[in-house]
Amino acid sequence: MIKLAIMCLVVAAIAAILGFGGVAGAFVDIAVWIAIIAVVLFVVFLLLGMFAGKKARDALD
């Protein structure tokens, strides 16, 4: 997902260089939202993994 955000930023940079300001702004907004979603999903799955790992470890003890 981070790769997709970086690709959107690259496309935005190329569009800005070529003078397509509206398209560049849209791609930057898309990249920001994708990055935010990626960070939120990372934190959610990190917490789920920590809690599931603790429960599994407690069950084995």
C-alpha atoms as a PDB file:
ATOM      1  CA  MET A   1       0.000   0.000   0.000  1.00  0.00           C
ATOM      2  CA  ILE A   2       2.889   2.311   0.691  1.00  0.00           C
ATOM      3  CA  LYS A   3       4.192   1.552  -2.811  1.00  0.00           C
ATOM      4  CA  LEU A   4       0.883   2.768  -4.227  1.00  0.00           C
ATOM      5  CA  ALA A   5       1.135   5.995  -2.226  1.00  0.00           C
ATOM      6  CA  ILE A   6       4.692   6.559  -3.469  1.00  0.00           C
ATOM      7  CA  MET A   7       3.602   5.876  -7.053  1.00  0.00           C
ATOM      8  CA  CYS A   8       0.824   8.462  -6.680  1.00  0.00           C
ATOM      9  CA  LEU A   9       3.358  10.980  -5.396  1.00  0.00           C
ATOM     10  CA  VAL A  10       5.631  10.305  -8.379  1.00  0.00           C
ATOM     11  CA  VAL A  11       2.726  10.749 -10.801  1.00  0.00           C
ATOM     12  CA  ALA A  12       1.784  13.965  -8.979  1.00  0.00           C
ATOM     13  CA  ALA A  13       5.339  15.264  -9.297  1.00  0.00           C
ATOM     14  CA  ILE A  14       5.445  14.474 -13.012  1.00  0.00           C
ATOM     15  CA  ALA A  15       2.033  16.077 -13.531  1.00  0.00           C
ATOM     16  CA  ALA A  16       3.158  19.182 -11.638  1.00  0.00           C
ATOM     17  CA  ILE A  17       6.312  19.465 -13.741  1.00  0.00           C
ATOM     18  CA  LEU A  18       4.234  19.205 -16.910  1.00  0.00           C
ATOM     19  CA  GLY A  19       1.845  21.890 -15.658  1.00  0.00           C
ATOM     20  CA  PHE A  20      -1.198  19.838 -14.725  1.00  0.00           C
ATOM     21  CA  GLY A  21      -1.809  21.402 -11.315  1.00  0.00           C
ATOM     22  CA  GLY A  22      -5.287  20.023 -10.752  1.00  0.00           C
ATOM     23  CA  VAL A  23      -4.263  16.465 -11.540  1.00  0.00           C
ATOM     24  CA  ALA A  24      -1.159  16.810  -9.371  1.00  0.00           C
ATOM     25  CA  GLY A  25      -3.225  18.045  -6.434  1.00  0.00           C
ATOM     26  CA  ALA A  26      -5.667  15.185  -6.811  1.00  0.00           C
ATOM     27  CA  PHE A  27      -2.874  12.618  -6.857  1.00  0.00           C
ATOM     28  CA  VAL A  28      -1.280  14.159  -3.777  1.00  0.00           C
ATOM     29  CA  ASP A  29      -4.609  13.934  -1.935  1.00  0.00           C
ATOM     30  CA  ILE A  30      -4.982  10.306  -3.000  1.00  0.00           C
ATOM     31  CA  ALA A  31      -1.445   9.523  -1.840  1.00  0.00           C
ATOM     32  CA  VAL A  32      -2.067  11.124   1.554  1.00  0.00           C
ATOM     33  CA  TRP A  33      -5.264   9.149   2.097  1.00  0.00           C
ATOM     34  CA  ILE A  34      -3.618   5.891   1.054  1.00  0.00           C
ATOM     35  CA  ALA A  35      -0.722   6.553   3.438  1.00  0.00           C
ATOM     36  CA  ILE A  36      -3.128   7.301   6.310  1.00  0.00           C
ATOM     37  CA  ILE A  37      -5.087   4.118   5.628  1.00  0.00           C
ATOM     38  CA  ALA A  38      -1.845   2.110   5.500  1.00  0.00           C
ATOM     39  CA  VAL A  39      -0.688   3.468   8.869  1.00  0.00           C
ATOM     40  CA  VAL A  40      -4.070   2.816  10.494  1.00  0.00           C
ATOM     41  CA  LEU A  41      -4.156  -0.747   9.160  1.00  0.00           C
ATOM     42  CA  PHE A  42      -0.582  -1.305  10.351  1.00  0.00           C
ATOM     43  CA  VAL A  43      -1.475  -0.210  13.886  1.00  0.00           C
ATOM     44  CA  VAL A  44      -4.674  -2.283  13.947  1.00  0.00           C
ATOM     45  CA  PHE A  45      -2.933  -5.446  12.778  1.00  0.00           C
ATOM     46  CA  LEU A  46       0.001  -4.809  15.117  1.00  0.00           C
ATOM     47  CA  LEU A  47      -2.358  -4.619  18.089  1.00  0.00           C
ATOM     48  CA  LEU A  48      -4.313  -7.664  16.927  1.00  0.00           C
ATOM     49  CA  GLY A  49      -1.081  -9.616  16.573  1.00  0.00           C
ATOM     50  CA  MET A  50       0.102  -8.600  20.018  1.00  0.00           C
ATOM     51  CA  PHE A  51      -3.156  -9.586  21.703  1.00  0.00           C
ATOM     52  CA  ALA A  52      -3.528 -12.829  19.742  1.00  0.00           C
ATOM     53  CA  GLY A  53       0.088 -13.734  20.469  1.00  0.00           C
ATOM     54  CA  LYS A  54      -0.411 -13.099  24.174  1.00  0.00           C
ATOM     55  CA  LYS A  55      -3.541 -15.280  24.259  1.00  0.00           C
ATOM     56  CA  ALA A  56      -1.761 -18.079  22.383  1.00  0.00           C
ATOM     57  CA  ARG A  57       1.229 -17.884  24.713  1.00  0.00           C
ATOM     58  CA  ASP A  58      -1.028 -17.944  27.787  1.00  0.00           C
ATOM     59  CA  ALA A  59      -2.911 -20.943  26.425  1.00  0.00           C
ATOM     60  CA  LEU A  60       0.350 -22.863  25.945  1.00  0.00           C
ATOM     61  CA  ASP A  61       1.559 -22.143  29.485  1.00  0.00           C
END
